[in-house]
Amino acid sequence: MDVGMATRQVGALVEAGLVTRDPDPADARVSLVTPTERGRRVAGSLQDVRRRHLQRALSGWTAAELQEFDRLLTRFFDDSVGTPIDD
């Protein structure tokens, strides 16, 4: 995501009342983005929806399958964090 796109996305969140954007006192080029109380509630609701969906999606998996999924997902996450993104 480029800076312009990030700025537009944050602007939309500000307009929706989900975050506030304030200048960084240490660096005027930087904005500090903070969730509002409404933003925290919305984020919590989305987490609940995702959690319930994942529970339903994985309800037929065995314990061994869940352990293997956890192992592979952890490996994927660890590998992706260390991999640079090409422009």
N, C-alpha and C. Protein backbone atom coordinates (compact mmCIF):
# COMPACT_ATOMS: atom_id res chain seq x y z
N MET A 1 0.85 -1.16 0.00
CA MET A 1 0.00 0.00 0.00
C MET A 1 0.90 1.23 0.00
N ASP A 2 0.62 2.17 -0.91
CA ASP A 2 1.43 3.38 -0.94
C ASP A 2 0.89 4.40 0.06
N VAL A 3 1.64 5.48 0.26
CA VAL A 3 1.29 6.48 1.27
C VAL A 3 -0.06 7.12 0.96
N GLY A 4 -0.31 7.41 -0.31
CA GLY A 4 -1.58 8.03 -0.68
C GLY A 4 -2.77 7.15 -0.34
N MET A 5 -2.64 5.87 -0.63
CA MET A 5 -3.73 4.94 -0.33
C MET A 5 -3.94 4.83 1.18
N ALA A 6 -2.85 4.76 1.93
CA ALA A 6 -2.96 4.68 3.39
C ALA A 6 -3.64 5.93 3.93
N THR A 7 -3.27 7.09 3.39
CA THR A 7 -3.88 8.35 3.83
C THR A 7 -5.38 8.35 3.55
N ARG A 8 -5.78 7.88 2.38
CA ARG A 8 -7.21 7.82 2.05
C ARG A 8 -7.95 6.84 2.96
N GLN A 9 -7.34 5.69 3.23
CA GLN A 9 -7.98 4.69 4.09
C GLN A 9 -8.16 5.24 5.51
N VAL A 10 -7.12 5.88 6.03
CA VAL A 10 -7.23 6.47 7.37
C VAL A 10 -8.27 7.57 7.37
N GLY A 11 -8.30 8.38 6.31
CA GLY A 11 -9.31 9.44 6.21
C GLY A 11 -10.72 8.88 6.27
N ALA A 12 -10.96 7.77 5.59
CA ALA A 12 -12.28 7.15 5.62
C ALA A 12 -12.62 6.67 7.03
N LEU A 13 -11.63 6.13 7.74
CA LEU A 13 -11.86 5.68 9.12
C LEU A 13 -12.15 6.86 10.04
N VAL A 14 -11.45 7.98 9.81
CA VAL A 14 -11.69 9.20 10.60
C VAL A 14 -13.12 9.68 10.35
N GLU A 15 -13.52 9.75 9.07
CA GLU A 15 -14.87 10.22 8.73
C GLU A 15 -15.95 9.31 9.32
N ALA A 16 -15.66 8.03 9.43
CA ALA A 16 -16.62 7.08 10.01
C ALA A 16 -16.63 7.12 11.53
N GLY A 17 -15.73 7.90 12.11
CA GLY A 17 -15.68 8.01 13.57
C GLY A 17 -15.02 6.82 14.25
N LEU A 18 -14.22 6.06 13.48
CA LEU A 18 -13.59 4.86 14.04
C LEU A 18 -12.20 5.12 14.60
N VAL A 19 -11.54 6.18 14.10
CA VAL A 19 -10.21 6.55 14.60
C VAL A 19 -10.09 8.06 14.63
N THR A 20 -9.10 8.53 15.37
CA THR A 20 -8.71 9.94 15.31
C THR A 20 -7.31 10.00 14.71
N ARG A 21 -7.01 11.13 14.06
CA ARG A 21 -5.69 11.31 13.47
C ARG A 21 -5.14 12.64 13.99
N ASP A 22 -4.00 12.57 14.64
CA ASP A 22 -3.36 13.75 15.20
C ASP A 22 -1.92 13.82 14.75
N PRO A 23 -1.38 15.04 14.61
CA PRO A 23 0.03 15.14 14.23
C PRO A 23 0.94 14.63 15.35
N ASP A 24 2.02 14.01 14.96
CA ASP A 24 3.03 13.56 15.92
C ASP A 24 3.82 14.79 16.37
N PRO A 25 3.83 15.09 17.68
CA PRO A 25 4.56 16.27 18.14
C PRO A 25 6.06 16.19 17.84
N ALA A 26 6.59 14.99 17.68
CA ALA A 26 8.02 14.83 17.43
C ALA A 26 8.37 14.94 15.95
N ASP A 27 7.37 14.76 15.06
CA ASP A 27 7.65 14.76 13.62
C ASP A 27 6.37 15.13 12.88
N ALA A 28 6.30 16.34 12.38
CA ALA A 28 5.09 16.85 11.73
C ALA A 28 4.70 16.06 10.49
N ARG A 29 5.61 15.29 9.93
CA ARG A 29 5.30 14.49 8.74
C ARG A 29 4.51 13.23 9.10
N VAL A 30 4.44 12.92 10.38
CA VAL A 30 3.84 11.67 10.86
C VAL A 30 2.50 11.97 11.53
N SER A 31 1.53 11.11 11.29
CA SER A 31 0.24 11.20 11.98
C SER A 31 0.12 10.05 12.96
N LEU A 32 -0.46 10.34 14.11
CA LEU A 32 -0.75 9.31 15.10
C LEU A 32 -2.23 8.94 14.96
N VAL A 33 -2.49 7.69 14.68
CA VAL A 33 -3.85 7.21 14.47
C VAL A 33 -4.26 6.38 15.68
N THR A 34 -5.37 6.77 16.30
CA THR A 34 -5.83 6.13 17.54
C THR A 34 -7.28 5.70 17.38
N PRO A 35 -7.61 4.47 17.74
CA PRO A 35 -9.02 4.06 17.65
C PRO A 35 -9.88 4.83 18.65
N THR A 36 -11.08 5.16 18.22
CA THR A 36 -12.05 5.77 19.13
C THR A 36 -12.75 4.64 19.90
N GLU A 37 -13.57 5.01 20.85
CA GLU A 37 -14.35 4.00 21.58
C GLU A 37 -15.23 3.23 20.60
N ARG A 38 -15.85 3.94 19.67
CA ARG A 38 -16.67 3.28 18.65
C ARG A 38 -15.82 2.34 17.80
N GLY A 39 -14.62 2.79 17.43
CA GLY A 39 -13.73 1.95 16.64
C GLY A 39 -13.35 0.67 17.38
N ARG A 40 -13.12 0.79 18.68
CA ARG A 40 -12.79 -0.41 19.47
C ARG A 40 -13.98 -1.37 19.53
N ARG A 41 -15.19 -0.82 19.66
CA ARG A 41 -16.38 -1.68 19.69
C ARG A 41 -16.57 -2.40 18.35
N VAL A 42 -16.41 -1.66 17.25
CA VAL A 42 -16.56 -2.26 15.92
C VAL A 42 -15.51 -3.34 15.71
N ALA A 43 -14.26 -3.05 16.07
CA ALA A 43 -13.19 -4.04 15.91
C ALA A 43 -13.49 -5.29 16.73
N GLY A 44 -13.99 -5.10 17.96
CA GLY A 44 -14.34 -6.25 18.79
C GLY A 44 -15.46 -7.08 18.18
N SER A 45 -16.46 -6.40 17.61
CA SER A 45 -17.56 -7.11 16.95
C SER A 45 -17.06 -7.92 15.76
N LEU A 46 -16.17 -7.33 14.97
CA LEU A 46 -15.62 -8.04 13.81
C LEU A 46 -14.81 -9.26 14.25
N GLN A 47 -14.07 -9.11 15.34
CA GLN A 47 -13.30 -10.26 15.86
C GLN A 47 -14.24 -11.38 16.28
N ASP A 48 -15.35 -11.02 16.92
CA ASP A 48 -16.33 -12.03 17.34
C ASP A 48 -16.91 -12.76 16.13
N VAL A 49 -17.25 -12.01 15.08
CA VAL A 49 -17.81 -12.61 13.86
C VAL A 49 -16.80 -13.56 13.23
N ARG A 50 -15.54 -13.11 13.12
CA ARG A 50 -14.50 -13.97 12.52
C ARG A 50 -14.27 -15.22 13.36
N ARG A 51 -14.28 -15.07 14.68
CA ARG A 51 -14.06 -16.21 15.57
C ARG A 51 -15.17 -17.25 15.41
N ARG A 52 -16.42 -16.78 15.38
CA ARG A 52 -17.55 -17.71 15.22
C ARG A 52 -17.50 -18.40 13.86
N HIS A 53 -17.16 -17.66 12.82
CA HIS A 53 -17.06 -18.24 11.48
C HIS A 53 -15.97 -19.31 11.45
N LEU A 54 -14.82 -19.01 12.02
CA LEU A 54 -13.72 -19.97 12.05
C LEU A 54 -14.10 -21.22 12.84
N GLN A 55 -14.79 -21.04 13.96
CA GLN A 55 -15.23 -22.20 14.75
C GLN A 55 -16.15 -23.09 13.93
N ARG A 56 -17.08 -22.48 13.19
CA ARG A 56 -17.99 -23.27 12.35
C ARG A 56 -17.23 -23.95 11.22
N ALA A 57 -16.31 -23.22 10.59
CA ALA A 57 -15.56 -23.78 9.45
C ALA A 57 -14.70 -24.97 9.86
N LEU A 58 -14.17 -24.94 11.09
CA LEU A 58 -13.26 -25.99 11.54
C LEU A 58 -13.94 -27.02 12.43
N SER A 59 -15.23 -26.93 12.60
CA SER A 59 -15.92 -27.81 13.55
C SER A 59 -15.81 -29.29 13.19
N GLY A 60 -15.64 -29.62 11.93
CA GLY A 60 -15.54 -31.02 11.53
C GLY A 60 -14.11 -31.56 11.48
N TRP A 61 -13.14 -30.74 11.84
CA TRP A 61 -11.74 -31.16 11.80
C TRP A 61 -11.39 -31.94 13.06
N THR A 62 -10.52 -32.91 12.90
CA THR A 62 -10.05 -33.69 14.06
C THR A 62 -8.99 -32.88 14.81
N ALA A 63 -8.68 -33.33 16.02
CA ALA A 63 -7.63 -32.68 16.80
C ALA A 63 -6.30 -32.71 16.06
N ALA A 64 -6.00 -33.83 15.41
CA ALA A 64 -4.74 -33.94 14.67
C ALA A 64 -4.71 -32.96 13.49
N GLU A 65 -5.83 -32.80 12.80
CA GLU A 65 -5.90 -31.86 11.69
C GLU A 65 -5.73 -30.42 12.18
N LEU A 66 -6.34 -30.10 13.31
CA LEU A 66 -6.20 -28.76 13.87
C LEU A 66 -4.76 -28.48 14.28
N GLN A 67 -4.10 -29.47 14.87
CA GLN A 67 -2.70 -29.29 15.25
C GLN A 67 -1.82 -29.07 14.03
N GLU A 68 -2.06 -29.83 12.97
CA GLU A 68 -1.29 -29.68 11.74
C GLU A 68 -1.55 -28.31 11.11
N PHE A 69 -2.80 -27.90 11.10
CA PHE A 69 -3.16 -26.58 10.58
C PHE A 69 -2.45 -25.49 11.37
N ASP A 70 -2.46 -25.60 12.68
CA ASP A 70 -1.78 -24.63 13.55
C ASP A 70 -0.29 -24.58 13.24
N ARG A 71 0.31 -25.75 13.09
CA ARG A 71 1.74 -25.82 12.79
C ARG A 71 2.05 -25.14 11.46
N LEU A 72 1.27 -25.46 10.43
CA LEU A 72 1.52 -24.90 9.10
C LEU A 72 1.21 -23.40 9.05
N LEU A 73 0.16 -22.98 9.72
CA LEU A 73 -0.17 -21.56 9.73
C LEU A 73 0.91 -20.76 10.45
N THR A 74 1.41 -21.29 11.55
CA THR A 74 2.50 -20.64 12.27
C THR A 74 3.73 -20.55 11.39
N ARG A 75 4.05 -21.61 10.70
CA ARG A 75 5.21 -21.61 9.79
C ARG A 75 5.02 -20.58 8.68
N PHE A 76 3.81 -20.55 8.10
CA PHE A 76 3.51 -19.57 7.05
C PHE A 76 3.70 -18.15 7.58
N PHE A 77 3.15 -17.86 8.76
CA PHE A 77 3.28 -16.53 9.34
C PHE A 77 4.74 -16.18 9.56
N ASP A 78 5.49 -17.08 10.18
CA ASP A 78 6.90 -16.82 10.46
C ASP A 78 7.68 -16.58 9.17
N ASP A 79 7.41 -17.38 8.14
CA ASP A 79 8.11 -17.22 6.87
C ASP A 79 7.72 -15.92 6.17
N SER A 80 6.45 -15.55 6.25
CA SER A 80 6.00 -14.35 5.54
C SER A 80 6.52 -13.08 6.20
N VAL A 81 6.68 -13.09 7.51
CA VAL A 81 7.20 -11.91 8.21
C VAL A 81 8.63 -11.61 7.75
N GLY A 82 9.41 -12.63 7.51
CA GLY A 82 10.80 -12.44 7.11
C GLY A 82 11.00 -12.27 5.62
N THR A 83 9.93 -12.27 4.84
CA THR A 83 10.05 -12.17 3.39
C THR A 83 9.72 -10.76 2.93
N PRO A 84 10.66 -10.09 2.23
CA PRO A 84 10.38 -8.73 1.76
C PRO A 84 9.28 -8.72 0.70
N ILE A 85 8.54 -7.63 0.66
CA ILE A 85 7.48 -7.46 -0.33
C ILE A 85 8.07 -6.73 -1.53
N ASP A 86 7.89 -7.30 -2.72
CA ASP A 86 8.34 -6.65 -3.94
C ASP A 86 7.34 -5.57 -4.31
N ASP A 87 7.85 -4.47 -4.86
CA ASP A 87 6.95 -3.38 -5.29
C ASP A 87 6.27 -3.72 -6.56
